[in-house]
């Protein structure tokens, strides 16, 4: 007698044999159809089968509404051809970095610079404060401007015994000769204690060569007027962009409102460091610029020789 397991195995064997016979019959029919079409009896049925498979694949690429079905994967696209190589452009020259210069400051001799922005100054209180060793006052700007407080500040500082000098705000667009005339008309070197300063902060729209030429002409005119080279006032970035390498024969007053010492890209002497524009001094309402000597320099180094 058969058990249940043997009966199931028998039934499964019969099902497989029946499927095999059906497959053989289907293959025979395909071969008969291929022979009827004149195909080679040995390989014709293979060609026909491939045709049916291709047709089925093509129909599977479309949905019932006719829209294309996105493929499960796509063959990779070939790499793009490289562009035609271009000649190398020359690299910009690399500026040699100088090691940072360690400065010292002379906190015992600090100074200020003032203009009409500070209004009326009580020079007696400034002198009694004891922390102002020198002062620069604004005299002129450009080709025709004269500071409203120039004369009052000049004589006020001299009256209380503070060494005083003047500065001119240079205009890059005005003629250097006209600026010199404005400066000479309003400034008497015999009334000054300190070497004058030329304030250079604006570049203008002309060429760099024109700017530098005009500035040099004005500086040389002031030198002829006072008998000494003036001090140039500027900023670190402005110097690197517009003055580097062209005015190394001058001494500088550099504005830098930070804790780090100022340093210029050229090895030029920095006499004064304007380290603050928000300081307070007795006798002056509001903020005032404050400067300090660097390294070995003192008030004696900025005094006129006469």
C-alpha atoms as a PDB file:
ATOM      1  CA  UNK A   1       0.000   0.000   0.000  1.00  0.00           C
ATOM      2  CA  UNK A   2       1.102   3.513  -0.692  1.00  0.00           C
ATOM      3  CA  UNK A   3       1.362   5.993   2.129  1.00  0.00           C
ATOM      4  CA  UNK A   4       0.440   9.653   1.727  1.00  0.00           C
ATOM      5  CA  UNK A   5       3.989  10.718   0.934  1.00  0.00           C
ATOM      6  CA  UNK A   6       4.361   8.088  -1.804  1.00  0.00           C
ATOM      7  CA  UNK A   7       1.024   9.118  -3.315  1.00  0.00           C
ATOM      8  CA  UNK A   8       2.039  12.775  -3.437  1.00  0.00           C
ATOM      9  CA  UNK A   9       5.336  11.867  -5.081  1.00  0.00           C
ATOM     10  CA  UNK A  10       3.519   9.816  -7.686  1.00  0.00           C
ATOM     11  CA  UNK A  11       1.111  12.608  -8.492  1.00  0.00           C
ATOM     12  CA  UNK A  12       3.998  15.087  -8.803  1.00  0.00           C
ATOM     13  CA  UNK A  13       5.823  12.738 -11.178  1.00  0.00           C
ATOM     14  CA  UNK A  14       2.754  12.411 -13.369  1.00  0.00           C
ATOM     15  CA  UNK A  15       2.318  16.224 -13.473  1.00  0.00           C
ATOM     16  CA  UNK A  16       5.942  16.755 -14.516  1.00  0.00           C
ATOM     17  CA  UNK A  17       5.688  14.075 -17.217  1.00  0.00           C
ATOM     18  CA  UNK A  18       2.479  15.637 -18.559  1.00  0.00           C
ATOM     19  CA  UNK A  19       4.139  19.072 -18.694  1.00  0.00           C
ATOM     20  CA  UNK A  20       7.108  17.571 -20.461  1.00  0.00           C
ATOM     21  CA  UNK A  21       4.859  15.939 -23.068  1.00  0.00           C
ATOM     22  CA  UNK A  22       3.039  19.236 -23.585  1.00  0.00           C
ATOM     23  CA  UNK A  23       6.369  21.011 -24.043  1.00  0.00           C
ATOM     24  CA  UNK A  24       7.508  18.465 -26.579  1.00  0.00           C
ATOM     25  CA  UNK A  25       4.264  18.808 -28.479  1.00  0.00           C
ATOM     26  CA  UNK A  26       4.608  22.641 -28.510  1.00  0.00           C
ATOM     27  CA  UNK A  27       8.155  22.341 -29.799  1.00  0.00           C
ATOM     28  CA  UNK A  28       7.014  19.946 -32.520  1.00  0.00           C
ATOM     29  CA  UNK A  29       4.312  22.381 -33.618  1.00  0.00           C
ATOM     30  CA  UNK A  30       6.882  25.237 -33.786  1.00  0.00           C
ATOM     31  CA  UNK A  31       9.165  23.057 -35.913  1.00  0.00           C
ATOM     32  CA  UNK A  32       6.256  22.189 -38.241  1.00  0.00           C
ATOM     33  CA  UNK A  33       5.387  25.885 -38.653  1.00  0.00           C
ATOM     34  CA  UNK A  34       9.014  26.751 -39.322  1.00  0.00           C
ATOM     35  CA  UNK A  35       9.235  23.967 -41.923  1.00  0.00           C
ATOM     36  CA  UNK A  36       6.059  25.257 -43.557  1.00  0.00           C
ATOM     37  CA  UNK A  37       7.651  28.708 -43.848  1.00  0.00           C
ATOM     38  CA  UNK A  38      10.667  27.203 -45.587  1.00  0.00           C
ATOM     39  CA  UNK A  39      13.072  27.598 -42.744  1.00  0.00           C
ATOM     40  CA  UNK A  40      15.985  25.239 -42.158  1.00  0.00           C
ATOM     41  CA  UNK A  41      14.528  22.498 -39.997  1.00  0.00           C
ATOM     42  CA  UNK A  42      17.440  22.511 -37.574  1.00  0.00           C
ATOM     43  CA  UNK A  43      17.653  26.214 -36.697  1.00  0.00           C
ATOM     44  CA  UNK A  44      14.419  27.765 -37.956  1.00  0.00           C
ATOM     45  CA  UNK A  45      12.525  27.313 -34.741  1.00  0.00           C
ATOM     46  CA  UNK A  46      15.300  29.180 -32.844  1.00  0.00           C
ATOM     47  CA  UNK A  47      14.991  32.170 -35.166  1.00  0.00           C
ATOM     48  CA  UNK A  48      11.232  32.190 -34.760  1.00  0.00           C
ATOM     49  CA  UNK A  49      11.517  32.017 -30.984  1.00  0.00           C
ATOM     50  CA  UNK A  50      13.905  35.011 -30.969  1.00  0.00           C
ATOM     51  CA  UNK A  51      11.417  36.954 -33.095  1.00  0.00           C
ATOM     52  CA  UNK A  52       8.625  36.332 -30.595  1.00  0.00           C
ATOM     53  CA  UNK A  53      10.869  37.343 -27.699  1.00  0.00           C
ATOM     54  CA  UNK A  54      11.839  40.630 -29.372  1.00  0.00           C
ATOM     55  CA  UNK A  55       8.196  41.407 -30.090  1.00  0.00           C
ATOM     56  CA  UNK A  56       7.265  40.722 -26.479  1.00  0.00           C
ATOM     57  CA  UNK A  57      10.099  42.950 -25.215  1.00  0.00           C
ATOM     58  CA  UNK A  58       9.043  45.826 -27.476  1.00  0.00           C
ATOM     59  CA  UNK A  59       5.441  45.609 -26.291  1.00  0.00           C
ATOM     60  CA  UNK A  60       6.584  45.543 -22.652  1.00  0.00           C
ATOM     61  CA  UNK A  61       8.307  48.917 -23.135  1.00  0.00           C
ATOM     62  CA  UNK A  62       4.906  50.577 -23.554  1.00  0.00           C
ATOM     63  CA  UNK A  63       2.004  50.915 -21.160  1.00  0.00           C
ATOM     64  CA  UNK A  64      -1.589  50.367 -22.233  1.00  0.00           C
ATOM     65  CA  UNK A  65      -1.962  54.137 -22.789  1.00  0.00           C
ATOM     66  CA  UNK A  66       1.031  54.166 -25.115  1.00  0.00           C
ATOM     67  CA  UNK A  67       3.428  55.965 -22.724  1.00  0.00           C
ATOM     68  CA  UNK A  68       6.971  54.690 -22.468  1.00  0.00           C
ATOM     69  CA  UNK A  69       8.015  52.699 -19.417  1.00  0.00           C
ATOM     70  CA  UNK A  70      11.191  53.878 -17.741  1.00  0.00           C
ATOM     71  CA  UNK A  71      13.837  51.182 -17.921  1.00  0.00           C
ATOM     72  CA  UNK A  72      15.018  49.548 -14.782  1.00  0.00           C
ATOM     73  CA  UNK A  73      18.588  50.387 -15.673  1.00  0.00           C
ATOM     74  CA  UNK A  74      20.335  52.234 -18.456  1.00  0.00           C
ATOM     75  CA  UNK A  75      23.587  51.548 -20.166  1.00  0.00           C
ATOM     76  CA  UNK A  76      26.294  54.038 -19.174  1.00  0.00           C
ATOM     77  CA  UNK A  77      26.922  56.856 -21.614  1.00  0.00           C
ATOM     78  CA  UNK A  78      30.391  57.071 -23.129  1.00  0.00           C
ATOM     79  CA  UNK A  79      32.756  59.628 -21.629  1.00  0.00           C
ATOM     80  CA  UNK A  80      32.875  63.010 -23.309  1.00  0.00           C
ATOM     81  CA  UNK A  81      35.891  63.744 -25.398  1.00  0.00           C
ATOM     82  CA  UNK A  82      38.372  66.036 -23.639  1.00  0.00           C
ATOM     83  CA  UNK A  83      38.476  69.661 -24.671  1.00  0.00           C
ATOM     84  CA  UNK A  84      41.264  70.889 -26.846  1.00  0.00           C
ATOM     85  CA  UNK A  85      44.100  71.724 -24.436  1.00  0.00           C
ATOM     86  CA  UNK A  86      44.756  75.434 -24.041  1.00  0.00           C
ATOM     87  CA  UNK A  87      48.184  76.953 -23.463  1.00  0.00           C
ATOM     88  CA  UNK A  88      48.942  77.617 -19.817  1.00  0.00           C
ATOM     89  CA  UNK A  89      48.495  81.250 -18.787  1.00  0.00           C
ATOM     90  CA  UNK A  90      51.407  82.719 -16.853  1.00  0.00           C
ATOM     91  CA  UNK A  91      50.943  82.671 -13.109  1.00  0.00           C
ATOM     92  CA  UNK A  92      50.953  86.018 -11.313  1.00  0.00           C
ATOM     93  CA  UNK A  93      54.188  86.787  -9.526  1.00  0.00           C
ATOM     94  CA  UNK A  94      54.228  85.593  -5.942  1.00  0.00           C
ATOM     95  CA  UNK A  95      55.008  88.310  -3.453  1.00  0.00           C
ATOM     96  CA  UNK A  96      57.653  87.262  -1.027  1.00  0.00           C
ATOM     97  CA  UNK A  97      56.310  87.345   2.485  1.00  0.00           C
ATOM     98  CA  UNK A  98      58.503  89.120   4.965  1.00  0.00           C
ATOM     99  CA  UNK A  99      58.559  87.841   8.529  1.00  0.00           C
ATOM    100  CA  UNK A 100      56.405  89.950  10.857  1.00  0.00           C
ATOM    101  CA  UNK A 101      58.219  92.867  12.430  1.00  0.00           C
ATOM    102  CA  UNK A 102      57.996  93.122  16.170  1.00  0.00           C
ATOM    103  CA  UNK A 103      57.539  96.749  17.132  1.00  0.00           C
ATOM    104  CA  UNK A 104      57.680  98.497  20.449  1.00  0.00           C
ATOM    105  CA  UNK A 105      55.553 101.475  21.400  1.00  0.00           C
ATOM    106  CA  UNK A 106      56.306 104.580  23.366  1.00  0.00           C
ATOM    107  CA  UNK A 107      53.172 105.001  25.463  1.00  0.00           C
ATOM    108  CA  UNK A 108      54.665 107.986  27.267  1.00  0.00           C
ATOM    109  CA  UNK A 109      54.470 110.156  24.147  1.00  0.00           C
ATOM    110  CA  UNK A 110      51.050 109.958  22.549  1.00  0.00           C
ATOM    111  CA  UNK A 111      49.473 112.484  20.247  1.00  0.00           C
ATOM    112  CA  UNK A 112      46.183 113.460  18.645  1.00  0.00           C
ATOM    113  CA  UNK A 113      44.997 114.954  15.348  1.00  0.00           C
ATOM    114  CA  UNK A 114      41.993 117.271  15.194  1.00  0.00           C
ATOM    115  CA  UNK A 115      39.870 119.222  12.736  1.00  0.00           C
ATOM    116  CA  UNK A 116      36.519 121.013  12.662  1.00  0.00           C
ATOM    117  CA  UNK A 117      34.883 117.675  13.564  1.00  0.00           C
ATOM    118  CA  UNK A 118      36.019 118.148  17.181  1.00  0.00           C
ATOM    119  CA  UNK A 119      34.441 121.604  17.369  1.00  0.00           C
ATOM    120  CA  UNK A 120      35.754 124.126  19.898  1.00  0.00           C
ATOM    121  CA  UNK A 121      38.547 122.593  21.975  1.00  0.00           C
ATOM    122  CA  UNK A 122      39.565 123.649  25.486  1.00  0.00           C
ATOM    123  CA  UNK A 123      43.337 123.506  25.003  1.00  0.00           C
ATOM    124  CA  UNK A 124      44.059 124.277  28.641  1.00  0.00           C
ATOM    125  CA  UNK A 125      42.270 121.093  29.699  1.00  0.00           C
ATOM    126  CA  UNK A 126      44.038 119.132  26.969  1.00  0.00           C
ATOM    127  CA  UNK A 127      47.415 120.309  28.285  1.00  0.00           C
ATOM    128  CA  UNK A 128      46.475 119.571  31.909  1.00  0.00           C
ATOM    129  CA  UNK A 129      45.457 116.017  31.013  1.00  0.00           C
ATOM    130  CA  UNK A 130      49.167 115.211  30.672  1.00  0.00           C
ATOM    131  CA  UNK A 131      48.769 112.520  28.009  1.00  0.00           C
ATOM    132  CA  UNK A 132      49.066 114.592  24.817  1.00  0.00           C
ATOM    133  CA  UNK A 133      52.689 115.083  23.748  1.00  0.00           C
ATOM    134  CA  UNK A 134      51.961 116.540  20.281  1.00  0.00           C
ATOM    135  CA  UNK A 135      49.043 117.479  18.038  1.00  0.00           C
ATOM    136  CA  UNK A 136      48.404 117.668  14.293  1.00  0.00           C
ATOM    137  CA  UNK A 137      45.653 119.992  13.084  1.00  0.00           C
ATOM    138  CA  UNK A 138      43.978 119.899   9.695  1.00  0.00           C
ATOM    139  CA  UNK A 139      44.829 122.940   7.573  1.00  0.00           C
ATOM    140  CA  UNK A 140      43.657 122.350   3.997  1.00  0.00           C
ATOM    141  CA  UNK A 141      42.104 119.839   1.622  1.00  0.00           C
ATOM    142  CA  UNK A 142      42.254 119.604  -2.134  1.00  0.00           C
ATOM    143  CA  UNK A 143      42.475 122.728  -4.225  1.00  0.00           C
ATOM    144  CA  UNK A 144      40.430 125.219  -2.218  1.00  0.00           C
ATOM    145  CA  UNK A 145      39.184 123.969   1.146  1.00  0.00           C
ATOM    146  CA  UNK A 146      40.494 125.445   4.403  1.00  0.00           C
ATOM    147  CA  UNK A 147      39.439 123.871   7.711  1.00  0.00           C
ATOM    148  CA  UNK A 148      37.243 126.243   9.717  1.00  0.00           C
ATOM    149  CA  UNK A 149      39.081 125.523  12.970  1.00  0.00           C
ATOM    150  CA  UNK A 150      42.630 125.516  11.614  1.00  0.00           C
ATOM    151  CA  UNK A 151      43.835 128.886  12.906  1.00  0.00           C
ATOM    152  CA  UNK A 152      42.084 128.541  16.283  1.00  0.00           C
ATOM    153  CA  UNK A 153      43.478 125.032  16.857  1.00  0.00           C
ATOM    154  CA  UNK A 154      46.981 126.025  15.718  1.00  0.00           C
ATOM    155  CA  UNK A 155      47.306 128.947  18.113  1.00  0.00           C
ATOM    156  CA  UNK A 156      45.399 127.195  20.895  1.00  0.00           C
ATOM    157  CA  UNK A 157      47.901 124.321  20.977  1.00  0.00           C
ATOM    158  CA  UNK A 158      50.884 126.681  20.742  1.00  0.00           C
ATOM    159  CA  UNK A 159      49.524 128.806  23.543  1.00  0.00           C
ATOM    160  CA  UNK A 160      49.535 125.896  26.017  1.00  0.00           C
ATOM    161  CA  UNK A 161      52.944 124.635  24.888  1.00  0.00           C
ATOM    162  CA  UNK A 162      51.945 121.490  22.946  1.00  0.00           C
ATOM    163  CA  UNK A 163      54.128 120.955  19.834  1.00  0.00           C
ATOM    164  CA  UNK A 164      51.848 121.368  16.828  1.00  0.00           C
ATOM    165  CA  UNK A 165      51.970 120.587  13.121  1.00  0.00           C
ATOM    166  CA  UNK A 166      49.565 120.617  10.178  1.00  0.00           C
ATOM    167  CA  UNK A 167      48.249 118.150   7.620  1.00  0.00           C
ATOM    168  CA  UNK A 168      46.788 118.480   4.161  1.00  0.00           C
ATOM    169  CA  UNK A 169      44.158 116.048   2.844  1.00  0.00           C
ATOM    170  CA  UNK A 170      45.370 115.148  -0.638  1.00  0.00           C
ATOM    171  CA  UNK A 171      42.825 115.025  -3.483  1.00  0.00           C
ATOM    172  CA  UNK A 172      43.709 112.643  -6.342  1.00  0.00           C
ATOM    173  CA  UNK A 173      41.467 114.531  -8.790  1.00  0.00           C
ATOM    174  CA  UNK A 174      42.726 118.068  -8.211  1.00  0.00           C
ATOM    175  CA  UNK A 175      45.865 119.505  -9.784  1.00  0.00           C
ATOM    176  CA  UNK A 176      48.871 119.120  -7.457  1.00  0.00           C
ATOM    177  CA  UNK A 177      49.983 122.652  -8.341  1.00  0.00           C
ATOM    178  CA  UNK A 178      46.611 124.106  -7.355  1.00  0.00           C
ATOM    179  CA  UNK A 179      46.659 122.094  -4.117  1.00  0.00           C
ATOM    180  CA  UNK A 180      50.137 123.417  -3.363  1.00  0.00           C
ATOM    181  CA  UNK A 181      48.921 126.962  -3.902  1.00  0.00           C
ATOM    182  CA  UNK A 182      46.070 126.363  -1.455  1.00  0.00           C
ATOM    183  CA  UNK A 183      48.482 124.902   1.090  1.00  0.00           C
ATOM    184  CA  UNK A 184      51.100 127.682   0.723  1.00  0.00           C
ATOM    185  CA  UNK A 185      48.471 130.411   0.956  1.00  0.00           C
ATOM    186  CA  UNK A 186      47.138 129.219   4.304  1.00  0.00           C
ATOM    187  CA  UNK A 187      50.120 127.564   6.012  1.00  0.00           C
ATOM    188  CA  UNK A 188      53.197 129.415   7.227  1.00  0.00           C
ATOM    189  CA  UNK A 189      56.093 127.001   7.934  1.00  0.00           C
ATOM    190  CA  UNK A 190      57.498 129.445  10.506  1.00  0.00           C
ATOM    191  CA  UNK A 191      54.416 128.897  12.685  1.00  0.00           C
ATOM    192  CA  UNK A 192      54.821 125.122  12.762  1.00  0.00           C
ATOM    193  CA  UNK A 193      56.697 122.949  15.237  1.00  0.00           C
ATOM    194  CA  UNK A 194      56.321 119.565  13.506  1.00  0.00           C
ATOM    195  CA  UNK A 195      57.086 118.118  10.077  1.00  0.00           C
ATOM    196  CA  UNK A 196      53.882 118.385   7.997  1.00  0.00           C
ATOM    197  CA  UNK A 197      51.777 115.365   7.114  1.00  0.00           C
ATOM    198  CA  UNK A 198      50.100 114.617   3.780  1.00  0.00           C
ATOM    199  CA  UNK A 199      46.926 112.581   4.310  1.00  0.00           C
ATOM    200  CA  UNK A 200      46.562 110.062   1.438  1.00  0.00           C
ATOM    201  CA  UNK A 201      43.368 108.024   1.616  1.00  0.00           C
ATOM    202  CA  UNK A 202      41.669 108.342  -1.791  1.00  0.00           C
ATOM    203  CA  UNK A 203      42.708 106.829  -5.115  1.00  0.00           C
ATOM    204  CA  UNK A 204      40.423 108.604  -7.607  1.00  0.00           C
ATOM    205  CA  UNK A 205      39.276 107.283 -10.991  1.00  0.00           C
ATOM    206  CA  UNK A 206      42.323 108.079 -13.063  1.00  0.00           C
ATOM    207  CA  UNK A 207      45.108 105.664 -13.813  1.00  0.00           C
ATOM    208  CA  UNK A 208      47.419 104.496 -11.055  1.00  0.00           C
ATOM    209  CA  UNK A 209      50.377 106.142 -12.805  1.00  0.00           C
ATOM    210  CA  UNK A 210      48.541 109.469 -12.876  1.00  0.00           C
ATOM    211  CA  UNK A 211      47.620 109.201  -9.199  1.00  0.00           C
ATOM    212  CA  UNK A 212      51.196 108.424  -8.180  1.00  0.00           C
ATOM    213  CA  UNK A 213      52.589 111.201 -10.383  1.00  0.00           C
ATOM    214  CA  UNK A 214      50.256 113.808  -8.886  1.00  0.00           C
ATOM    215  CA  UNK A 215      51.004 112.692  -5.351  1.00  0.00           C
ATOM    216  CA  UNK A 216      54.742 112.816  -5.956  1.00  0.00           C
ATOM    217  CA  UNK A 217      54.484 116.320  -7.411  1.00  0.00           C
ATOM    218  CA  UNK A 218      52.610 117.516  -4.325  1.00  0.00           C
ATOM    219  CA  UNK A 219      55.021 115.838  -1.898  1.00  0.00           C
ATOM    220  CA  UNK A 220      58.000 117.431  -3.641  1.00  0.00           C
ATOM    221  CA  UNK A 221      56.304 120.823  -3.508  1.00  0.00           C
ATOM    222  CA  UNK A 222      55.746 120.507   0.254  1.00  0.00           C
ATOM    223  CA  UNK A 223      59.378 119.457   0.668  1.00  0.00           C
ATOM    224  CA  UNK A 224      60.568 122.589  -1.138  1.00  0.00           C
ATOM    225  CA  UNK A 225      58.251 124.651   1.057  1.00  0.00           C
ATOM    226  CA  UNK A 226      59.413 123.219   4.411  1.00  0.00           C
ATOM    227  CA  UNK A 227      62.919 122.054   3.566  1.00  0.00           C
ATOM    228  CA  UNK A 228      62.177 118.466   4.743  1.00  0.00           C
ATOM    229  CA  UNK A 229      60.279 115.537   3.335  1.00  0.00           C
ATOM    230  CA  UNK A 230      56.706 115.416   4.658  1.00  0.00           C
ATOM    231  CA  UNK A 231      55.336 112.369   6.458  1.00  0.00           C
ATOM    232  CA  UNK A 232      52.738 110.346   4.540  1.00  0.00           C
ATOM    233  CA  UNK A 233      49.595 109.262   6.368  1.00  0.00           C
ATOM    234  CA  UNK A 234      47.793 106.219   4.952  1.00  0.00           C
ATOM    235  CA  UNK A 235      46.384 102.755   5.725  1.00  0.00           C
ATOM    236  CA  UNK A 236      47.953  99.317   5.402  1.00  0.00           C
ATOM    237  CA  UNK A 237      45.736  98.126   2.549  1.00  0.00           C
ATOM    238  CA  UNK A 238      45.857 101.445   0.697  1.00  0.00           C
ATOM    239  CA  UNK A 239      49.645 101.366   0.766  1.00  0.00           C
ATOM    240  CA  UNK A 240      49.784  97.808  -0.612  1.00  0.00           C
ATOM    241  CA  UNK A 241      47.433  98.656  -3.487  1.00  0.00           C
ATOM    242  CA  UNK A 242      48.569 102.110  -4.576  1.00  0.00           C
ATOM    243  CA  UNK A 243      51.832 103.205  -2.939  1.00  0.00           C
ATOM    244  CA  UNK A 244      53.961 100.074  -2.730  1.00  0.00           C
ATOM    245  CA  UNK A 245      57.468 100.453  -4.101  1.00  0.00           C
ATOM    246  CA  UNK A 246      57.011 104.053  -5.240  1.00  0.00           C
ATOM    247  CA  UNK A 247      57.481 106.142  -2.068  1.00  0.00           C
ATOM    248  CA  UNK A 248      60.079 104.232  -0.097  1.00  0.00           C
ATOM    249  CA  UNK A 249      62.070 107.403   0.567  1.00  0.00           C
ATOM    250  CA  UNK A 250      59.421 108.768   2.933  1.00  0.00           C
ATOM    251  CA  UNK A 251      58.444 108.084   6.514  1.00  0.00           C
ATOM    252  CA  UNK A 252      54.913 107.058   7.366  1.00  0.00           C
ATOM    253  CA  UNK A 253      52.102 107.455   9.829  1.00  0.00           C
ATOM    254  CA  UNK A 254      49.881 104.378   9.492  1.00  0.00           C
ATOM    255  CA  UNK A 255      46.263 104.000  10.589  1.00  0.00           C
ATOM    256  CA  UNK A 256      45.343 100.581  11.958  1.00  0.00           C
ATOM    257  CA  UNK A 257      42.541 100.293  14.495  1.00  0.00           C
ATOM    258  CA  UNK A 258      43.433  96.869  15.868  1.00  0.00           C
ATOM    259  CA  UNK A 259      45.615  95.283  18.518  1.00  0.00           C
ATOM    260  CA  UNK A 260      48.234  94.155  15.994  1.00  0.00           C
ATOM    261  CA  UNK A 261      51.070  96.459  15.028  1.00  0.00           C
ATOM    262  CA  UNK A 262      50.801  97.931  11.533  1.00  0.00           C
ATOM    263  CA  UNK A 263      53.154  96.582   8.891  1.00  0.00           C
ATOM    264  CA  UNK A 264      53.646  97.718   5.315  1.00  0.00           C
ATOM    265  CA  UNK A 265      54.607  95.552   2.353  1.00  0.00           C
ATOM    266  CA  UNK A 266      57.808  97.582   1.903  1.00  0.00           C
ATOM    267  CA  UNK A 267      60.531  97.976   4.459  1.00  0.00           C
ATOM    268  CA  UNK A 268      59.811 101.652   5.118  1.00  0.00           C
ATOM    269  CA  UNK A 269      60.008 103.460   8.459  1.00  0.00           C
ATOM    270  CA  UNK A 270      56.720 103.779  10.338  1.00  0.00           C
ATOM    271  CA  UNK A 271      57.121 106.661  12.740  1.00  0.00           C
ATOM    272  CA  UNK A 272      53.574 106.895  14.058  1.00  0.00           C
ATOM    273  CA  UNK A 273      50.768 104.421  14.525  1.00  0.00           C
ATOM    274  CA  UNK A 274      47.245 105.853  14.646  1.00  0.00           C
ATOM    275  CA  UNK A 275      45.744 103.082  16.723  1.00  0.00           C
ATOM    276  CA  UNK A 276      42.348 104.593  17.599  1.00  0.00           C
ATOM    277  CA  UNK A 277      39.720 106.928  16.194  1.00  0.00           C
ATOM    278  CA  UNK A 278      37.416 106.681  19.210  1.00  0.00           C
ATOM    279  CA  UNK A 279      39.605 107.934  22.051  1.00  0.00           C
ATOM    280  CA  UNK A 280      38.646 110.540  24.614  1.00  0.00           C
ATOM    281  CA  UNK A 281      40.780 113.433  25.850  1.00  0.00           C
ATOM    282  CA  UNK A 282      39.925 116.010  28.477  1.00  0.00           C
ATOM    283  CA  UNK A 283      38.891 119.287  26.829  1.00  0.00           C
ATOM    284  CA  UNK A 284      37.582 117.653  23.633  1.00  0.00           C
ATOM    285  CA  UNK A 285      33.950 116.720  23.171  1.00  0.00           C
ATOM    286  CA  UNK A 286      33.413 113.399  21.415  1.00  0.00           C
ATOM    287  CA  UNK A 287      35.910 111.073  19.834  1.00  0.00           C
ATOM    288  CA  UNK A 288      39.416 111.975  18.748  1.00  0.00           C
ATOM    289  CA  UNK A 289      42.164 110.160  16.836  1.00  0.00           C
ATOM    290  CA  UNK A 290      45.020 108.918  18.971  1.00  0.00           C
ATOM    291  CA  UNK A 291      48.582 108.075  17.812  1.00  0.00           C
ATOM    292  CA  UNK A 292      51.690 106.593  19.374  1.00  0.00           C
ATOM    293  CA  UNK A 293      55.359 106.398  18.364  1.00  0.00           C
ATOM    294  CA  UNK A 294      56.789 103.077  17.256  1.00  0.00           C
ATOM    295  CA  UNK A 295      60.206 101.687  18.129  1.00  0.00           C
ATOM    296  CA  UNK A 296      62.908 104.292  18.681  1.00  0.00           C
ATOM    297  CA  UNK A 297      60.981 107.341  17.463  1.00  0.00           C
ATOM    298  CA  UNK A 298      60.048 110.236  19.738  1.00  0.00           C
ATOM    299  CA  UNK A 299      58.685 113.749  19.379  1.00  0.00           C
ATOM    300  CA  UNK A 300      62.223 114.923  18.596  1.00  0.00           C
ATOM    301  CA  UNK A 301      62.140 112.890  15.353  1.00  0.00           C
ATOM    302  CA  UNK A 302      59.137 114.793  13.949  1.00  0.00           C
ATOM    303  CA  UNK A 303      60.236 118.299  15.002  1.00  0.00           C
ATOM    304  CA  UNK A 304      61.221 120.736  12.252  1.00  0.00           C
ATOM    305  CA  UNK A 305      64.982 121.422  12.225  1.00  0.00           C
ATOM    306  CA  UNK A 306      64.518 125.194  12.583  1.00  0.00           C
END
